[in-house]
Amino acid sequence: MKSPINLQEITGQESGIILYDDKNVAVVNWSHGEGIPHWLAPLHDPIYMPTEEEIEDCGIAGDILEELPVDMDIIYDRNGDLQDLIDARKIGEPTVGHVYQIGVHYRVIAPEVWA
């Protein structure tokens, strides 16, 4: 039997980026829940949906923005953290991070510069 997903335990961090199925991306502090965060309405706090998907450690990405679709739709980023990473890349400072695939629907990215 698989254990429920706890992103903080998996990544060793309180926050990161989640890519959902297609091009939806969220920047999340996942220290508050167990499962995968989902939103019922924009600008509200996430609801954590339990899941017991397989977790694949995809290793380290030298530039985590290469893991995201060019035409991504940012569905949640309360503090503008993703734009900060984009701006850093423009001046030649790509962000390194750890990548995990959770089932077939979710990709989790834990930037090394985040807590």
Protein backbone atom coordinates (compact mmCIF):
# COMPACT_ATOMS: atom_id res chain seq x y z
CA MET A 1 0.00 0.00 0.00
CA LYS A 2 1.34 3.41 -0.98
CA SER A 3 1.52 6.28 1.51
CA PRO A 4 -0.31 9.56 0.90
CA ILE A 5 1.81 12.22 -0.79
CA ASN A 6 3.51 14.78 1.45
CA LEU A 7 5.42 17.24 -0.74
CA GLN A 8 7.46 18.64 2.13
CA GLU A 9 8.74 15.18 3.01
CA ILE A 10 9.45 14.34 -0.64
CA THR A 11 11.32 17.56 -1.48
CA GLY A 12 12.74 18.50 1.92
CA GLN A 13 11.34 21.99 1.29
CA GLU A 14 8.27 23.98 2.29
CA SER A 15 7.62 25.36 -1.19
CA GLY A 16 8.07 24.80 -4.88
CA ILE A 17 6.40 24.67 -8.25
CA ILE A 18 3.77 22.24 -9.49
CA LEU A 19 3.04 21.63 -13.15
CA TYR A 20 -0.40 20.12 -13.60
CA ASP A 21 -1.36 17.87 -16.56
CA ASP A 22 -0.88 20.35 -19.33
CA LYS A 23 0.33 23.91 -18.91
CA ASN A 24 -1.12 24.98 -15.57
CA VAL A 25 1.58 25.99 -13.08
CA ALA A 26 1.32 26.93 -9.40
CA VAL A 27 3.88 28.20 -6.93
CA VAL A 28 2.96 26.70 -3.59
CA ASN A 29 3.92 26.66 0.07
CA TRP A 30 2.95 23.04 0.70
CA SER A 31 3.94 22.86 4.36
CA HIS A 32 0.27 23.21 5.35
CA GLY A 33 -1.19 20.07 3.83
CA GLU A 34 -0.84 16.52 2.67
CA GLY A 35 -1.69 15.63 -0.91
CA ILE A 36 -1.63 17.69 -4.08
CA PRO A 37 -2.89 21.29 -3.81
CA HIS A 38 -5.78 22.33 -6.06
CA TRP A 39 -7.72 25.58 -6.38
CA LEU A 40 -11.47 26.03 -6.54
CA ALA A 41 -11.16 29.76 -7.27
CA PRO A 42 -8.29 32.09 -8.13
CA LEU A 43 -6.51 33.88 -5.28
CA HIS A 44 -7.82 31.52 -2.62
CA ASP A 45 -5.72 29.14 -0.57
CA PRO A 46 -5.34 25.65 -2.03
CA ILE A 47 -7.35 22.62 -1.07
CA TYR A 48 -5.16 19.54 -0.63
CA MET A 49 -6.50 16.48 -2.41
CA PRO A 50 -5.19 13.15 -1.17
CA THR A 51 -3.36 11.04 -3.69
CA GLU A 52 -1.22 7.94 -3.58
CA GLU A 53 0.51 8.21 -6.95
CA GLU A 54 3.91 6.74 -7.74
CA ILE A 55 6.78 9.20 -7.25
CA GLU A 56 9.71 9.27 -9.66
CA ASP A 57 12.83 11.21 -8.73
CA CYS A 58 13.87 12.81 -12.04
CA GLY A 59 17.04 14.33 -10.58
CA ILE A 60 18.51 17.80 -10.75
CA ALA A 61 17.64 20.31 -13.47
CA GLY A 62 20.31 22.90 -14.22
CA ASP A 63 17.60 25.36 -15.27
CA ILE A 64 14.17 24.58 -13.84
CA LEU A 65 12.43 26.89 -16.31
CA GLU A 66 13.28 24.35 -19.01
CA GLU A 67 10.97 21.95 -17.15
CA LEU A 68 7.99 24.27 -17.65
CA PRO A 69 5.98 24.85 -20.84
CA VAL A 70 6.76 28.06 -22.72
CA ASP A 71 3.04 28.86 -22.87
CA MET A 72 2.41 28.06 -19.20
CA ASP A 73 -0.65 29.40 -17.45
CA ILE A 74 0.29 30.51 -13.92
CA ILE A 75 -2.78 29.66 -11.86
CA TYR A 76 -1.27 30.59 -8.49
CA ASP A 77 1.81 32.55 -7.46
CA ARG A 78 0.88 34.75 -4.53
CA ASN A 79 4.27 36.49 -4.22
CA GLY A 80 5.44 36.61 -7.83
CA ASP A 81 8.23 34.11 -7.17
CA LEU A 82 8.11 32.56 -10.62
CA GLN A 83 8.61 35.94 -12.28
CA ASP A 84 11.67 36.43 -10.06
CA LEU A 85 13.12 33.19 -11.47
CA ILE A 86 12.35 34.32 -15.02
CA ASP A 87 14.02 37.67 -14.39
CA ALA A 88 17.11 35.97 -12.89
CA ARG A 89 17.42 33.78 -15.97
CA LYS A 90 17.32 36.85 -18.24
CA ILE A 91 20.48 38.15 -16.57
CA GLY A 92 22.23 34.81 -16.88
CA GLU A 93 21.37 33.24 -13.53
CA PRO A 94 19.34 30.07 -14.19
CA THR A 95 17.82 28.37 -11.16
CA VAL A 96 18.87 24.83 -10.28
CA GLY A 97 16.28 22.55 -8.72
CA HIS A 98 15.16 19.01 -8.03
CA VAL A 99 12.40 17.53 -10.21
CA TYR A 100 9.88 14.85 -9.30
CA GLN A 101 7.17 13.25 -11.43
CA ILE A 102 4.10 12.25 -9.44
CA GLY A 103 1.96 9.81 -11.37
CA VAL A 104 1.16 10.99 -14.88
CA HIS A 105 -0.55 14.24 -13.90
CA TYR A 106 1.93 16.23 -11.77
CA ARG A 107 5.51 17.42 -12.01
CA VAL A 108 6.97 18.97 -8.85
CA ILE A 109 9.99 21.25 -8.97
CA ALA A 110 11.88 22.26 -5.83
CA PRO A 111 14.20 25.22 -6.61
CA GLU A 112 17.41 25.00 -4.59
CA VAL A 113 17.22 28.70 -3.68
CA TRP A 114 13.84 28.27 -1.92
CA ALA A 115 13.15 26.96 1.58
